[in-house]
N, C-alpha and C. Protein backbone atom coordinates (compact mmCIF):
# COMPACT_ATOMS: atom_id res chain seq x y z
N MET A 1 41.63 132.14 138.70
CA MET A 1 42.34 131.22 139.61
C MET A 1 43.84 131.51 139.55
N PRO A 2 44.46 131.83 140.69
CA PRO A 2 45.90 132.11 140.66
C PRO A 2 46.71 130.87 140.31
N ALA A 3 47.85 131.11 139.67
CA ALA A 3 48.74 130.00 139.32
C ALA A 3 49.31 129.37 140.58
N LYS A 4 49.52 128.06 140.51
CA LYS A 4 50.07 127.32 141.65
C LYS A 4 51.50 126.89 141.32
N ILE A 5 52.42 127.24 142.21
CA ILE A 5 53.85 127.02 141.99
C ILE A 5 54.39 126.03 143.02
N LEU A 6 55.16 125.07 142.55
CA LEU A 6 55.86 124.12 143.42
C LEU A 6 57.32 124.54 143.52
N ILE A 7 57.79 124.78 144.74
CA ILE A 7 59.20 125.10 145.00
C ILE A 7 59.87 123.84 145.53
N ILE A 8 60.91 123.38 144.84
CA ILE A 8 61.70 122.23 145.32
C ILE A 8 63.08 122.76 145.67
N GLU A 9 63.31 122.99 146.96
CA GLU A 9 64.50 123.69 147.45
C GLU A 9 64.76 123.24 148.87
N ASP A 10 65.99 122.78 149.16
CA ASP A 10 66.28 122.24 150.48
C ASP A 10 66.72 123.29 151.49
N GLU A 11 67.14 124.47 151.04
CA GLU A 11 67.57 125.51 151.98
C GLU A 11 66.35 126.24 152.51
N VAL A 12 66.09 126.07 153.82
CA VAL A 12 64.85 126.57 154.42
C VAL A 12 64.71 128.07 154.27
N ASP A 13 65.78 128.82 154.50
CA ASP A 13 65.70 130.28 154.40
C ASP A 13 65.28 130.70 152.99
N ILE A 14 65.83 130.03 151.99
CA ILE A 14 65.52 130.40 150.61
C ILE A 14 64.09 130.03 150.26
N HIS A 15 63.66 128.80 150.59
CA HIS A 15 62.30 128.45 150.16
C HIS A 15 61.24 129.21 150.96
N ASN A 16 61.54 129.56 152.22
CA ASN A 16 60.58 130.38 152.97
C ASN A 16 60.48 131.78 152.37
N PHE A 17 61.63 132.34 151.98
CA PHE A 17 61.65 133.66 151.35
C PHE A 17 60.88 133.64 150.03
N LEU A 18 61.18 132.65 149.20
CA LEU A 18 60.48 132.53 147.92
C LEU A 18 58.98 132.37 148.13
N LYS A 19 58.60 131.52 149.06
CA LYS A 19 57.18 131.27 149.34
C LYS A 19 56.48 132.56 149.76
N ASP A 20 57.09 133.31 150.67
CA ASP A 20 56.47 134.55 151.15
C ASP A 20 56.29 135.56 150.02
N VAL A 21 57.33 135.75 149.22
CA VAL A 21 57.26 136.74 148.14
C VAL A 21 56.26 136.31 147.07
N LEU A 22 56.27 135.04 146.71
CA LEU A 22 55.34 134.55 145.69
C LEU A 22 53.89 134.63 146.16
N GLU A 23 53.66 134.31 147.42
CA GLU A 23 52.29 134.43 147.96
C GLU A 23 51.85 135.88 148.01
N ASP A 24 52.77 136.79 148.35
CA ASP A 24 52.45 138.22 148.33
C ASP A 24 52.12 138.68 146.92
N ALA A 25 52.72 138.02 145.91
CA ALA A 25 52.46 138.37 144.51
C ALA A 25 51.17 137.73 143.98
N GLY A 26 50.51 136.93 144.82
CA GLY A 26 49.23 136.37 144.43
C GLY A 26 49.24 134.92 143.99
N TYR A 27 50.40 134.25 144.07
CA TYR A 27 50.48 132.85 143.66
C TYR A 27 50.12 131.92 144.82
N LEU A 28 49.64 130.73 144.48
CA LEU A 28 49.51 129.65 145.45
C LEU A 28 50.82 128.87 145.43
N VAL A 29 51.35 128.54 146.61
CA VAL A 29 52.70 127.97 146.68
C VAL A 29 52.72 126.73 147.57
N SER A 30 53.43 125.71 147.10
CA SER A 30 53.72 124.52 147.89
C SER A 30 55.23 124.30 147.87
N VAL A 31 55.77 123.77 148.97
CA VAL A 31 57.22 123.63 149.10
C VAL A 31 57.59 122.17 149.38
N ALA A 32 58.68 121.72 148.77
CA ALA A 32 59.27 120.41 149.06
C ALA A 32 60.74 120.60 149.40
N ASP A 33 61.23 119.82 150.39
CA ASP A 33 62.59 120.00 150.89
C ASP A 33 63.63 119.10 150.22
N ASP A 34 63.19 118.12 149.44
CA ASP A 34 64.13 117.25 148.75
C ASP A 34 63.53 116.80 147.42
N GLY A 35 64.38 116.19 146.59
CA GLY A 35 63.94 115.83 145.25
C GLY A 35 62.82 114.81 145.23
N MET A 36 62.87 113.81 146.10
CA MET A 36 61.84 112.78 146.13
C MET A 36 60.49 113.36 146.54
N GLU A 37 60.49 114.15 147.62
CA GLU A 37 59.25 114.78 148.06
C GLU A 37 58.68 115.68 146.97
N GLY A 38 59.58 116.42 146.31
CA GLY A 38 59.13 117.32 145.25
C GLY A 38 58.46 116.58 144.11
N PHE A 39 59.08 115.48 143.68
CA PHE A 39 58.48 114.72 142.57
C PHE A 39 57.16 114.10 142.98
N MET A 40 57.05 113.61 144.20
CA MET A 40 55.79 113.03 144.67
C MET A 40 54.69 114.08 144.72
N LYS A 41 55.03 115.29 145.17
CA LYS A 41 54.03 116.36 145.17
C LYS A 41 53.61 116.69 143.75
N PHE A 42 54.58 116.75 142.84
CA PHE A 42 54.27 117.02 141.44
C PHE A 42 53.29 115.98 140.90
N GLN A 43 53.50 114.71 141.25
CA GLN A 43 52.64 113.65 140.75
C GLN A 43 51.23 113.69 141.33
N ASN A 44 51.12 114.14 142.57
CA ASN A 44 49.85 114.03 143.29
C ASN A 44 49.01 115.30 143.32
N GLN A 45 49.57 116.41 142.85
CA GLN A 45 48.83 117.67 142.86
C GLN A 45 48.99 118.36 141.51
N HIS A 46 48.09 119.31 141.25
CA HIS A 46 48.22 120.10 140.02
C HIS A 46 49.06 121.34 140.30
N PHE A 47 50.05 121.59 139.45
CA PHE A 47 50.85 122.81 139.52
C PHE A 47 50.94 123.43 138.13
N ASP A 48 51.16 124.74 138.11
CA ASP A 48 51.32 125.46 136.85
C ASP A 48 52.78 125.71 136.51
N LEU A 49 53.66 125.63 137.52
CA LEU A 49 55.09 125.91 137.31
C LEU A 49 55.88 125.31 138.46
N VAL A 50 57.11 124.89 138.17
CA VAL A 50 58.01 124.35 139.19
C VAL A 50 59.28 125.20 139.24
N LEU A 51 59.68 125.61 140.46
CA LEU A 51 60.99 126.21 140.70
C LEU A 51 61.86 125.11 141.30
N LEU A 52 62.97 124.80 140.63
CA LEU A 52 63.72 123.58 140.96
C LEU A 52 65.20 123.87 141.20
N ASP A 53 65.67 123.55 142.41
CA ASP A 53 67.10 123.60 142.71
C ASP A 53 67.77 122.35 142.13
N ILE A 54 69.09 122.37 142.04
CA ILE A 54 69.81 121.19 141.54
C ILE A 54 70.39 120.36 142.68
N LEU A 55 71.10 121.01 143.61
CA LEU A 55 71.75 120.28 144.70
C LEU A 55 70.73 119.97 145.79
N LEU A 56 70.02 118.86 145.61
CA LEU A 56 68.94 118.46 146.51
C LEU A 56 69.27 117.13 147.17
N PRO A 57 68.78 116.89 148.41
CA PRO A 57 68.91 115.57 149.01
C PRO A 57 68.10 114.53 148.26
N LYS A 58 68.51 113.29 148.36
CA LYS A 58 67.82 112.10 147.84
C LYS A 58 67.89 112.00 146.32
N ILE A 59 67.33 112.98 145.61
CA ILE A 59 67.40 112.98 144.14
C ILE A 59 67.78 114.38 143.70
N ASP A 60 68.82 114.54 142.88
CA ASP A 60 69.21 115.89 142.48
C ASP A 60 68.23 116.46 141.45
N GLY A 61 68.33 117.77 141.27
CA GLY A 61 67.37 118.47 140.43
C GLY A 61 67.37 118.04 138.98
N TYR A 62 68.52 117.66 138.45
CA TYR A 62 68.57 117.18 137.07
C TYR A 62 67.72 115.92 136.90
N VAL A 63 67.85 115.00 137.87
CA VAL A 63 67.07 113.76 137.80
C VAL A 63 65.58 114.06 137.96
N VAL A 64 65.25 114.96 138.89
CA VAL A 64 63.85 115.35 139.06
C VAL A 64 63.29 115.91 137.76
N LEU A 65 64.07 116.75 137.09
CA LEU A 65 63.61 117.34 135.83
C LEU A 65 63.39 116.25 134.78
N GLU A 66 64.31 115.30 134.69
CA GLU A 66 64.13 114.19 133.75
C GLU A 66 62.84 113.43 134.04
N MET A 67 62.57 113.18 135.32
CA MET A 67 61.37 112.44 135.71
C MET A 67 60.11 113.24 135.38
N ILE A 68 60.15 114.54 135.63
CA ILE A 68 59.00 115.39 135.30
C ILE A 68 58.74 115.37 133.80
N ARG A 69 59.81 115.48 133.02
CA ARG A 69 59.65 115.58 131.56
C ARG A 69 59.13 114.27 130.93
N LYS A 70 59.27 113.17 131.63
CA LYS A 70 58.68 111.92 131.14
C LYS A 70 57.16 111.94 131.26
N GLU A 71 56.65 112.86 132.09
CA GLU A 71 55.21 112.88 132.35
C GLU A 71 54.52 114.17 131.93
N SER A 72 55.27 115.25 131.80
CA SER A 72 54.59 116.54 131.63
C SER A 72 55.48 117.56 130.93
N ASP A 73 54.82 118.53 130.28
CA ASP A 73 55.50 119.67 129.67
C ASP A 73 55.34 120.91 130.53
N ILE A 74 55.04 120.73 131.83
CA ILE A 74 54.86 121.84 132.76
C ILE A 74 56.09 122.74 132.74
N PRO A 75 55.92 124.07 132.80
CA PRO A 75 57.08 124.96 132.87
C PRO A 75 57.93 124.69 134.11
N VAL A 76 59.24 124.57 133.90
CA VAL A 76 60.19 124.35 134.99
C VAL A 76 61.30 125.39 134.88
N ILE A 77 61.53 126.11 135.98
CA ILE A 77 62.63 127.08 136.06
C ILE A 77 63.66 126.55 137.04
N MET A 78 64.89 126.35 136.59
CA MET A 78 65.96 125.96 137.49
C MET A 78 66.40 127.20 138.28
N LEU A 79 66.56 127.02 139.59
CA LEU A 79 66.96 128.12 140.47
C LEU A 79 68.08 127.57 141.35
N THR A 80 69.34 127.89 141.00
CA THR A 80 70.46 127.15 141.57
C THR A 80 71.72 127.99 141.64
N ALA A 81 72.63 127.58 142.52
CA ALA A 81 73.94 128.23 142.60
C ALA A 81 74.90 127.70 141.55
N MET A 82 74.53 126.65 140.85
CA MET A 82 75.41 126.04 139.84
C MET A 82 75.27 126.82 138.53
N GLY A 83 76.10 127.85 138.40
CA GLY A 83 75.90 128.81 137.32
C GLY A 83 76.84 128.69 136.13
N SER A 84 77.63 127.62 136.06
CA SER A 84 78.54 127.50 134.92
C SER A 84 77.76 127.29 133.63
N GLU A 85 78.41 127.62 132.51
CA GLU A 85 77.76 127.41 131.21
C GLU A 85 77.42 125.94 131.02
N LYS A 86 78.31 125.05 131.45
CA LYS A 86 78.06 123.61 131.32
C LYS A 86 76.80 123.20 132.06
N ASN A 87 76.63 123.71 133.29
CA ASN A 87 75.44 123.38 134.07
C ASN A 87 74.17 123.92 133.42
N GLN A 88 74.25 125.16 132.91
CA GLN A 88 73.08 125.76 132.28
C GLN A 88 72.69 125.01 131.01
N ILE A 89 73.68 124.64 130.21
CA ILE A 89 73.39 123.89 128.98
C ILE A 89 72.76 122.55 129.32
N LYS A 90 73.26 121.89 130.37
CA LYS A 90 72.66 120.62 130.77
C LYS A 90 71.20 120.82 131.15
N GLY A 91 70.90 121.90 131.90
CA GLY A 91 69.52 122.18 132.27
C GLY A 91 68.62 122.37 131.07
N PHE A 92 69.09 123.15 130.10
CA PHE A 92 68.29 123.38 128.89
C PHE A 92 68.18 122.11 128.04
N ASP A 93 69.25 121.31 128.00
CA ASP A 93 69.19 120.05 127.26
C ASP A 93 68.13 119.11 127.86
N LEU A 94 67.94 119.21 129.17
CA LEU A 94 66.92 118.40 129.84
C LEU A 94 65.54 119.06 129.78
N LYS A 95 65.46 120.15 129.01
CA LYS A 95 64.19 120.82 128.70
C LYS A 95 63.67 121.70 129.82
N ALA A 96 64.59 122.32 130.61
CA ALA A 96 64.16 123.39 131.50
C ALA A 96 63.70 124.57 130.65
N ASP A 97 62.71 125.31 131.15
CA ASP A 97 62.21 126.47 130.42
C ASP A 97 63.05 127.71 130.68
N ASP A 98 63.71 127.76 131.82
CA ASP A 98 64.55 128.90 132.15
C ASP A 98 65.55 128.45 133.20
N TYR A 99 66.59 129.28 133.44
CA TYR A 99 67.66 128.91 134.35
C TYR A 99 68.11 130.18 135.05
N ILE A 100 67.93 130.25 136.36
CA ILE A 100 68.28 131.44 137.14
C ILE A 100 69.36 131.05 138.14
N VAL A 101 70.41 131.85 138.19
CA VAL A 101 71.56 131.54 139.05
C VAL A 101 71.47 132.34 140.35
N LYS A 102 71.72 131.65 141.47
CA LYS A 102 71.82 132.30 142.77
C LYS A 102 73.17 132.99 142.89
N PRO A 103 73.27 134.09 143.62
CA PRO A 103 72.18 134.87 144.22
C PRO A 103 71.36 135.57 143.15
N PHE A 104 70.09 135.77 143.42
CA PHE A 104 69.18 136.30 142.41
C PHE A 104 68.42 137.51 142.94
N SER A 105 67.94 138.31 142.02
CA SER A 105 67.03 139.41 142.34
C SER A 105 65.61 138.86 142.32
N MET A 106 64.87 139.04 143.41
CA MET A 106 63.50 138.51 143.45
C MET A 106 62.62 139.20 142.42
N ASN A 107 62.90 140.46 142.12
CA ASN A 107 62.13 141.15 141.08
C ASN A 107 62.33 140.47 139.73
N ILE A 108 63.57 140.06 139.45
CA ILE A 108 63.84 139.37 138.19
C ILE A 108 63.18 138.00 138.19
N VAL A 109 63.23 137.28 139.31
CA VAL A 109 62.57 135.98 139.40
C VAL A 109 61.08 136.12 139.10
N LEU A 110 60.44 137.13 139.68
CA LEU A 110 59.01 137.33 139.44
C LEU A 110 58.73 137.59 137.96
N LYS A 111 59.58 138.40 137.33
CA LYS A 111 59.39 138.69 135.90
C LYS A 111 59.59 137.44 135.05
N ARG A 112 60.58 136.64 135.41
CA ARG A 112 60.83 135.42 134.65
C ARG A 112 59.67 134.44 134.80
N ILE A 113 59.12 134.34 136.01
CA ILE A 113 57.95 133.49 136.24
C ILE A 113 56.78 133.98 135.41
N GLU A 114 56.53 135.29 135.42
CA GLU A 114 55.44 135.86 134.62
C GLU A 114 55.61 135.51 133.15
N ALA A 115 56.84 135.65 132.66
CA ALA A 115 57.10 135.41 131.23
C ALA A 115 56.88 133.95 130.86
N VAL A 116 57.38 133.04 131.69
CA VAL A 116 57.23 131.61 131.39
C VAL A 116 55.76 131.20 131.46
N LEU A 117 55.04 131.69 132.47
CA LEU A 117 53.61 131.37 132.58
C LEU A 117 52.82 131.97 131.42
N ARG A 118 53.21 133.17 131.01
CA ARG A 118 52.51 133.81 129.89
C ARG A 118 52.70 132.99 128.62
N ARG A 119 53.91 132.51 128.40
CA ARG A 119 54.18 131.71 127.21
C ARG A 119 53.40 130.39 127.24
N ALA A 120 53.35 129.77 128.43
CA ALA A 120 52.63 128.50 128.55
C ALA A 120 51.13 128.70 128.35
N THR A 121 50.60 129.79 128.92
CA THR A 121 49.17 130.07 128.78
C THR A 121 48.82 130.37 127.33
N LYS A 122 49.70 131.10 126.66
CA LYS A 122 49.46 131.43 125.25
C LYS A 122 49.40 130.15 124.41
N ALA A 123 50.31 129.23 124.68
CA ALA A 123 50.34 127.98 123.91
C ALA A 123 49.07 127.17 124.13
N ILE A 124 48.52 127.22 125.37
CA ILE A 124 47.31 126.47 125.67
C ILE A 124 46.08 127.12 125.07
N ASN A 125 46.02 128.46 125.17
CA ASN A 125 44.79 129.17 124.79
C ASN A 125 44.68 129.47 123.30
N GLU A 126 45.83 129.54 122.62
CA GLU A 126 45.77 129.84 121.19
C GLU A 126 45.09 128.70 120.44
N GLU A 127 44.37 129.06 119.42
CA GLU A 127 43.77 128.05 118.55
C GLU A 127 44.26 128.29 117.13
N PRO A 128 45.52 127.98 116.87
CA PRO A 128 46.08 128.24 115.55
C PRO A 128 45.47 127.31 114.51
N HIS A 129 45.41 127.79 113.29
CA HIS A 129 44.87 126.98 112.20
C HIS A 129 45.92 126.89 111.10
N GLY A 130 45.91 125.78 110.42
CA GLY A 130 46.77 125.67 109.26
C GLY A 130 47.94 124.73 109.46
N ILE A 131 48.61 124.54 108.37
CA ILE A 131 49.75 123.63 108.30
C ILE A 131 50.93 124.39 107.70
N LEU A 132 52.10 124.22 108.30
CA LEU A 132 53.33 124.75 107.72
C LEU A 132 54.13 123.57 107.19
N LYS A 133 54.58 123.67 105.94
CA LYS A 133 55.33 122.59 105.32
C LYS A 133 56.66 123.10 104.78
N TYR A 134 57.68 122.26 104.91
CA TYR A 134 59.00 122.58 104.36
C TYR A 134 59.76 121.27 104.19
N LYS A 135 60.18 121.00 102.95
CA LYS A 135 60.83 119.73 102.64
C LYS A 135 59.97 118.57 103.16
N GLU A 136 60.53 117.73 104.01
CA GLU A 136 59.79 116.58 104.55
C GLU A 136 59.09 116.90 105.86
N LEU A 137 59.19 118.17 106.30
CA LEU A 137 58.66 118.57 107.60
C LEU A 137 57.26 119.16 107.47
N THR A 138 56.38 118.77 108.38
CA THR A 138 55.04 119.35 108.47
C THR A 138 54.77 119.74 109.91
N LEU A 139 54.36 121.00 110.12
CA LEU A 139 53.92 121.45 111.44
C LEU A 139 52.42 121.66 111.42
N ASP A 140 51.71 120.98 112.29
CA ASP A 140 50.27 121.18 112.44
C ASP A 140 50.06 122.18 113.57
N LEU A 141 49.63 123.40 113.23
CA LEU A 141 49.55 124.48 114.22
C LEU A 141 48.36 124.32 115.16
N LYS A 142 47.43 123.47 114.81
CA LYS A 142 46.28 123.25 115.69
C LYS A 142 46.55 122.16 116.71
N SER A 143 47.14 121.07 116.25
CA SER A 143 47.40 119.95 117.17
C SER A 143 48.77 120.04 117.83
N TYR A 144 49.59 121.01 117.39
CA TYR A 144 50.96 121.15 117.90
C TYR A 144 51.77 119.88 117.66
N GLU A 145 51.62 119.31 116.48
CA GLU A 145 52.37 118.12 116.12
C GLU A 145 53.34 118.44 114.99
N ALA A 146 54.53 117.87 115.08
CA ALA A 146 55.52 117.97 114.01
C ALA A 146 55.75 116.58 113.44
N ARG A 147 55.83 116.51 112.12
CA ARG A 147 56.06 115.22 111.46
C ARG A 147 57.14 115.36 110.39
N MET A 148 57.96 114.32 110.29
CA MET A 148 58.95 114.20 109.24
C MET A 148 58.59 113.00 108.39
N SER A 149 58.28 113.26 107.11
CA SER A 149 57.86 112.18 106.21
C SER A 149 56.70 111.38 106.81
N GLY A 150 55.83 112.09 107.52
CA GLY A 150 54.66 111.46 108.12
C GLY A 150 54.87 110.88 109.49
N ASN A 151 56.12 110.81 109.94
CA ASN A 151 56.43 110.24 111.26
C ASN A 151 56.48 111.33 112.32
N LEU A 152 55.82 111.09 113.44
CA LEU A 152 55.76 112.08 114.51
C LEU A 152 57.14 112.36 115.09
N VAL A 153 57.45 113.66 115.28
CA VAL A 153 58.71 114.09 115.89
C VAL A 153 58.39 114.70 117.24
N ALA A 154 59.05 114.23 118.29
CA ALA A 154 58.77 114.70 119.64
C ALA A 154 59.50 116.01 119.91
N LEU A 155 58.81 117.13 119.69
CA LEU A 155 59.36 118.45 119.99
C LEU A 155 58.76 118.97 121.29
N THR A 156 59.57 119.68 122.08
CA THR A 156 59.02 120.38 123.23
C THR A 156 58.23 121.59 122.75
N ARG A 157 57.47 122.17 123.66
CA ARG A 157 56.69 123.36 123.31
C ARG A 157 57.61 124.48 122.78
N THR A 158 58.74 124.70 123.45
CA THR A 158 59.65 125.76 123.03
C THR A 158 60.26 125.46 121.67
N GLU A 159 60.65 124.21 121.44
CA GLU A 159 61.21 123.83 120.14
C GLU A 159 60.19 124.02 119.03
N PHE A 160 58.94 123.64 119.30
CA PHE A 160 57.88 123.81 118.30
C PHE A 160 57.70 125.28 117.96
N GLU A 161 57.66 126.14 118.99
CA GLU A 161 57.45 127.57 118.75
C GLU A 161 58.62 128.20 118.01
N LEU A 162 59.84 127.77 118.33
CA LEU A 162 61.01 128.27 117.60
C LEU A 162 60.94 127.89 116.13
N LEU A 163 60.63 126.64 115.88
CA LEU A 163 60.54 126.15 114.50
C LEU A 163 59.42 126.85 113.76
N ARG A 164 58.31 127.01 114.43
CA ARG A 164 57.17 127.71 113.82
C ARG A 164 57.56 129.14 113.43
N LYS A 165 58.24 129.83 114.35
CA LYS A 165 58.64 131.22 114.08
C LYS A 165 59.57 131.29 112.87
N LEU A 166 60.51 130.38 112.79
CA LEU A 166 61.44 130.37 111.66
C LEU A 166 60.72 130.05 110.35
N LEU A 167 59.79 129.10 110.38
CA LEU A 167 59.06 128.74 109.16
C LEU A 167 58.14 129.86 108.70
N GLU A 168 57.54 130.56 109.65
CA GLU A 168 56.65 131.67 109.29
C GLU A 168 57.43 132.85 108.71
N ASN A 169 58.74 132.85 108.95
CA ASN A 169 59.60 133.92 108.43
C ASN A 169 60.77 133.31 107.65
N LYS A 170 60.46 132.31 106.82
CA LYS A 170 61.54 131.49 106.27
C LYS A 170 62.42 132.21 105.26
N ASN A 171 62.02 133.36 104.79
CA ASN A 171 62.88 134.13 103.89
C ASN A 171 63.69 135.19 104.63
N CYS A 172 63.58 135.18 105.96
CA CYS A 172 64.25 136.21 106.77
C CYS A 172 65.23 135.57 107.75
N VAL A 173 66.25 136.34 108.09
CA VAL A 173 67.15 135.95 109.17
C VAL A 173 66.59 136.53 110.46
N LEU A 174 66.40 135.70 111.47
CA LEU A 174 65.92 136.16 112.77
C LEU A 174 67.09 136.16 113.74
N THR A 175 67.30 137.29 114.40
CA THR A 175 68.40 137.38 115.36
C THR A 175 68.05 136.61 116.63
N ARG A 176 69.07 136.31 117.40
CA ARG A 176 68.82 135.62 118.67
C ARG A 176 67.97 136.48 119.59
N ASP A 177 68.21 137.79 119.60
CA ASP A 177 67.40 138.68 120.43
C ASP A 177 65.93 138.65 120.01
N GLN A 178 65.67 138.64 118.70
CA GLN A 178 64.29 138.55 118.22
C GLN A 178 63.64 137.26 118.70
N LEU A 179 64.36 136.17 118.59
CA LEU A 179 63.80 134.88 119.01
C LEU A 179 63.57 134.84 120.51
N LEU A 180 64.50 135.40 121.29
CA LEU A 180 64.30 135.46 122.73
C LEU A 180 63.04 136.24 123.08
N ASN A 181 62.89 137.40 122.46
CA ASN A 181 61.73 138.25 122.76
C ASN A 181 60.43 137.62 122.29
N ASP A 182 60.45 137.00 121.11
CA ASP A 182 59.22 136.45 120.55
C ASP A 182 58.81 135.13 121.21
N ILE A 183 59.77 134.30 121.54
CA ILE A 183 59.45 132.98 122.08
C ILE A 183 59.43 132.98 123.60
N TRP A 184 60.43 133.58 124.22
CA TRP A 184 60.47 133.62 125.68
C TRP A 184 59.65 134.77 126.24
N GLY A 185 59.44 135.79 125.45
CA GLY A 185 58.56 136.88 125.86
C GLY A 185 59.18 137.90 126.79
N TYR A 186 60.51 137.96 126.82
CA TYR A 186 61.17 138.95 127.66
C TYR A 186 62.59 139.13 127.17
N GLU A 187 63.20 140.20 127.66
CA GLU A 187 64.63 140.40 127.41
C GLU A 187 65.39 139.43 128.31
N PHE A 188 66.12 138.51 127.71
CA PHE A 188 66.78 137.47 128.49
C PHE A 188 67.92 138.06 129.30
N PHE A 189 67.95 137.74 130.61
CA PHE A 189 68.97 138.28 131.48
C PHE A 189 70.15 137.31 131.54
N GLY A 190 70.98 137.37 130.57
CA GLY A 190 72.10 136.46 130.45
C GLY A 190 72.50 136.37 128.99
N ASN A 191 73.33 135.41 128.65
CA ASN A 191 73.72 135.31 127.25
C ASN A 191 72.63 134.62 126.44
N ASP A 192 72.81 134.65 125.12
CA ASP A 192 71.78 134.09 124.24
C ASP A 192 72.04 132.61 123.93
N ARG A 193 72.84 131.98 124.75
CA ARG A 193 73.18 130.57 124.55
C ARG A 193 71.93 129.69 124.55
N VAL A 194 70.91 130.11 125.28
CA VAL A 194 69.68 129.32 125.37
C VAL A 194 69.09 129.07 123.99
N VAL A 195 69.15 130.07 123.10
CA VAL A 195 68.63 129.88 121.74
C VAL A 195 69.46 128.83 121.02
N ASN A 196 70.78 128.95 121.12
CA ASN A 196 71.67 127.99 120.46
C ASN A 196 71.38 126.56 120.90
N VAL A 197 71.15 126.38 122.20
CA VAL A 197 70.90 125.04 122.72
C VAL A 197 69.62 124.46 122.14
N HIS A 198 68.56 125.26 122.11
CA HIS A 198 67.29 124.76 121.57
C HIS A 198 67.38 124.49 120.06
N ILE A 199 68.08 125.36 119.34
CA ILE A 199 68.28 125.11 117.90
C ILE A 199 69.06 123.82 117.70
N GLY A 200 70.08 123.60 118.54
CA GLY A 200 70.85 122.36 118.46
C GLY A 200 69.98 121.13 118.69
N ASN A 201 69.05 121.22 119.64
CA ASN A 201 68.15 120.10 119.90
C ASN A 201 67.23 119.84 118.71
N ILE A 202 66.74 120.92 118.08
CA ILE A 202 65.89 120.76 116.90
C ILE A 202 66.67 120.07 115.78
N ARG A 203 67.92 120.49 115.58
CA ARG A 203 68.74 119.89 114.52
C ARG A 203 68.97 118.40 114.76
N LYS A 204 69.13 118.01 116.02
CA LYS A 204 69.32 116.59 116.33
C LYS A 204 68.09 115.79 115.91
N LYS A 205 66.92 116.40 116.00
CA LYS A 205 65.68 115.69 115.72
C LYS A 205 65.30 115.73 114.24
N LEU A 206 65.65 116.83 113.55
CA LEU A 206 65.24 117.00 112.16
C LEU A 206 66.36 116.75 111.16
N GLY A 207 67.60 116.89 111.62
CA GLY A 207 68.73 116.88 110.71
C GLY A 207 69.31 118.27 110.60
N ALA A 208 70.56 118.34 110.19
CA ALA A 208 71.30 119.61 110.22
C ALA A 208 70.95 120.55 109.08
N ASP A 209 70.22 120.08 108.06
CA ASP A 209 70.03 120.90 106.86
C ASP A 209 68.70 121.67 106.84
N TYR A 210 68.05 121.81 107.98
CA TYR A 210 66.78 122.53 108.02
C TYR A 210 66.94 123.97 108.51
N ILE A 211 67.86 124.19 109.42
CA ILE A 211 68.07 125.53 109.98
C ILE A 211 69.51 125.96 109.69
N GLU A 212 69.64 127.12 109.12
CA GLU A 212 70.96 127.66 108.75
C GLU A 212 71.39 128.71 109.77
N THR A 213 72.63 128.63 110.21
CA THR A 213 73.20 129.65 111.09
C THR A 213 73.82 130.76 110.26
N ILE A 214 73.41 131.98 110.51
CA ILE A 214 74.02 133.15 109.88
C ILE A 214 74.97 133.74 110.91
N ARG A 215 76.24 133.48 110.73
CA ARG A 215 77.23 133.79 111.75
C ARG A 215 77.18 135.26 112.16
N GLY A 216 77.14 135.47 113.47
CA GLY A 216 77.12 136.81 114.02
C GLY A 216 75.77 137.49 113.97
N VAL A 217 74.77 136.82 113.40
CA VAL A 217 73.44 137.44 113.28
C VAL A 217 72.38 136.59 113.96
N GLY A 218 72.13 135.38 113.43
CA GLY A 218 71.07 134.55 113.99
C GLY A 218 70.81 133.32 113.15
N TYR A 219 69.54 133.05 112.90
CA TYR A 219 69.16 131.81 112.20
C TYR A 219 68.09 132.07 111.15
N LYS A 220 68.04 131.19 110.16
CA LYS A 220 66.98 131.21 109.17
C LYS A 220 66.74 129.79 108.68
N ILE A 221 65.57 129.58 108.09
CA ILE A 221 65.31 128.30 107.44
C ILE A 221 66.21 128.20 106.21
N ALA A 222 66.87 127.06 106.07
CA ALA A 222 67.81 126.88 104.96
C ALA A 222 67.08 126.86 103.63
N SER A 223 67.79 127.28 102.59
CA SER A 223 67.22 127.27 101.24
C SER A 223 66.85 125.85 100.83
N GLU A 224 65.78 125.72 100.04
CA GLU A 224 65.34 124.41 99.56
C GLU A 224 66.18 123.92 98.38
N ASP A 225 67.09 124.75 97.90
CA ASP A 225 67.92 124.34 96.76
C ASP A 225 68.82 123.18 97.13
């Protein structure tokens, strides 16, 4: 069954172009012209991925993303002309899976969609076994649950996978490029700020003493000393 993609984009030329190319690539595609219509379609139909603009009529893309995240961990890729670092960080803070700035290469968009869907499918289909423990933190690899001192911690799928990768290699420093390739599944077309943002979100939830920054290199699990 081909993946079904929801495009929420008010510029007719852009969403028609995206729809045509994605359908030619084998995807099922539905289009919404404003934020409210897009969210209603998301609620009433099944989709595997959302392509989301920010500057939308009625409800902007940031608000739509917040509303989606209250209900689902569906992959969401921001596709927007708002390309400043501040805008991108806001998108990732709201738990976007990727952020593509207009004007864009459609070949790159297709690769980014493939990568995000591959990561989501892997998370669903894997049947990991075992428990990872560190200090007061426990990761259950089968249920995808994180707990601190027995209390459930709400991690996104990407945050869980990042933390899992670091714990599985807790005696090693992992570079940002390694984490991008292992977690996102592709060479990231842009700066590695996305890793920093997700690590920052994990620290807010767990505390600052779980992940150590190795300046100029990457990250590692902090020593238990």
